[in-house]
Amino acid sequence: MPLPRNIRNRNQKFDKNITKRGHVDPGKIAKRNDEFPVSSTLIIFFLVVVVGSSLVQIFNLFGGSASKPPVE
């Protein structure tokens, strides 16, 4: 029993695309936008926050007083 027309057409279209793998038109490559979706200022801000908070934690860990007063 032959395939219905729409399924046959889809299969033919897919078979044509198999031979084109890896061969992208230069126009499609040129249209790509290589910029990050997040601005560099925002990335720097988050890095400062993360590094700054880790430094504060390290200073609090090692910078505490040598002996704490006894609790009564």
C-alpha atoms as a PDB file:
ATOM      1  CA  MET A   1       0.000   0.000   0.000  1.00  0.00           C
ATOM      2  CA  PRO A   2       1.582   3.323  -1.021  1.00  0.00           C
ATOM      3  CA  LEU A   3       2.120   6.085   1.517  1.00  0.00           C
ATOM      4  CA  PRO A   4      -0.277   9.023   1.589  1.00  0.00           C
ATOM      5  CA  ARG A   5       0.894  12.027  -0.437  1.00  0.00           C
ATOM      6  CA  ASN A   6       1.777  14.314   2.510  1.00  0.00           C
ATOM      7  CA  ILE A   7       3.894  11.663   4.241  1.00  0.00           C
ATOM      8  CA  ARG A   8       5.664  10.865   0.970  1.00  0.00           C
ATOM      9  CA  ASN A   9       6.404  14.577   0.402  1.00  0.00           C
ATOM     10  CA  ARG A  10       7.802  14.967   3.914  1.00  0.00           C
ATOM     11  CA  ASN A  11      10.050  11.945   3.425  1.00  0.00           C
ATOM     12  CA  GLN A  12      11.369  13.337   0.138  1.00  0.00           C
ATOM     13  CA  LYS A  13      12.058  16.714   1.751  1.00  0.00           C
ATOM     14  CA  PHE A  14      13.905  15.031   4.633  1.00  0.00           C
ATOM     15  CA  ASP A  15      15.943  12.871   2.232  1.00  0.00           C
ATOM     16  CA  LYS A  16      17.107  15.993   0.382  1.00  0.00           C
ATOM     17  CA  ASN A  17      18.270  17.589   3.653  1.00  0.00           C
ATOM     18  CA  ILE A  18      20.391  14.571   4.634  1.00  0.00           C
ATOM     19  CA  THR A  19      22.871  15.239   1.831  1.00  0.00           C
ATOM     20  CA  LYS A  20      23.203  18.910   2.873  1.00  0.00           C
ATOM     21  CA  ARG A  21      24.417  18.318   6.434  1.00  0.00           C
ATOM     22  CA  GLY A  22      27.453  20.415   7.275  1.00  0.00           C
ATOM     23  CA  HIS A  23      27.067  22.631   4.223  1.00  0.00           C
ATOM     24  CA  VAL A  24      25.600  25.885   5.509  1.00  0.00           C
ATOM     25  CA  ASP A  25      25.088  28.867   3.230  1.00  0.00           C
ATOM     26  CA  PRO A  26      27.480  31.749   3.994  1.00  0.00           C
ATOM     27  CA  GLY A  27      24.504  34.080   4.276  1.00  0.00           C
ATOM     28  CA  LYS A  28      23.082  32.134   7.203  1.00  0.00           C
ATOM     29  CA  ILE A  29      26.411  32.137   9.012  1.00  0.00           C
ATOM     30  CA  ALA A  30      26.804  35.899   8.538  1.00  0.00           C
ATOM     31  CA  LYS A  31      23.368  36.556  10.042  1.00  0.00           C
ATOM     32  CA  ARG A  32      24.368  35.021  13.378  1.00  0.00           C
ATOM     33  CA  ASN A  33      24.806  37.376  16.265  1.00  0.00           C
ATOM     34  CA  ASP A  34      27.894  36.371  18.254  1.00  0.00           C
ATOM     35  CA  GLU A  35      27.250  38.776  21.113  1.00  0.00           C
ATOM     36  CA  PHE A  36      26.376  37.494  24.563  1.00  0.00           C
ATOM     37  CA  PRO A  37      22.724  37.848  25.560  1.00  0.00           C
ATOM     38  CA  VAL A  38      23.915  39.448  28.833  1.00  0.00           C
ATOM     39  CA  SER A  39      25.969  42.636  28.838  1.00  0.00           C
ATOM     40  CA  SER A  40      29.562  42.579  30.029  1.00  0.00           C
ATOM     41  CA  THR A  41      28.719  45.125  32.739  1.00  0.00           C
ATOM     42  CA  LEU A  42      26.234  42.747  34.304  1.00  0.00           C
ATOM     43  CA  ILE A  43      28.737  39.871  34.203  1.00  0.00           C
ATOM     44  CA  ILE A  44      31.371  42.048  35.910  1.00  0.00           C
ATOM     45  CA  PHE A  45      28.836  43.092  38.557  1.00  0.00           C
ATOM     46  CA  PHE A  46      28.014  39.471  39.399  1.00  0.00           C
ATOM     47  CA  LEU A  47      31.702  38.556  39.511  1.00  0.00           C
ATOM     48  CA  VAL A  48      32.371  41.408  41.942  1.00  0.00           C
ATOM     49  CA  VAL A  49      29.451  40.306  44.115  1.00  0.00           C
ATOM     50  CA  VAL A  50      30.532  36.648  44.155  1.00  0.00           C
ATOM     51  CA  VAL A  51      34.237  37.339  44.721  1.00  0.00           C
ATOM     52  CA  GLY A  52      33.479  40.061  47.259  1.00  0.00           C
ATOM     53  CA  SER A  53      31.143  37.865  49.266  1.00  0.00           C
ATOM     54  CA  SER A  54      33.668  35.031  49.286  1.00  0.00           C
ATOM     55  CA  LEU A  55      36.383  37.416  50.521  1.00  0.00           C
ATOM     56  CA  VAL A  56      34.090  38.658  53.289  1.00  0.00           C
ATOM     57  CA  GLN A  57      33.441  35.065  54.339  1.00  0.00           C
ATOM     58  CA  ILE A  58      37.182  34.320  54.415  1.00  0.00           C
ATOM     59  CA  PHE A  59      37.903  37.458  56.452  1.00  0.00           C
ATOM     60  CA  ASN A  60      35.161  36.544  58.898  1.00  0.00           C
ATOM     61  CA  LEU A  61      36.544  33.015  59.220  1.00  0.00           C
ATOM     62  CA  PHE A  62      40.164  33.976  59.865  1.00  0.00           C
ATOM     63  CA  GLY A  63      39.790  37.505  61.149  1.00  0.00           C
ATOM     64  CA  GLY A  64      37.764  36.674  64.263  1.00  0.00           C
ATOM     65  CA  SER A  65      39.045  37.389  67.744  1.00  0.00           C
ATOM     66  CA  ALA A  66      41.468  34.856  69.248  1.00  0.00           C
ATOM     67  CA  SER A  67      39.424  34.250  72.368  1.00  0.00           C
ATOM     68  CA  LYS A  68      35.786  34.964  72.821  1.00  0.00           C
ATOM     69  CA  PRO A  69      34.537  36.209  76.186  1.00  0.00           C
ATOM     70  CA  PRO A  70      32.779  33.516  78.228  1.00  0.00           C
ATOM     71  CA  VAL A  71      28.989  33.561  78.139  1.00  0.00           C
ATOM     72  CA  GLU A  72      27.388  33.775  81.586  1.00  0.00           C
END
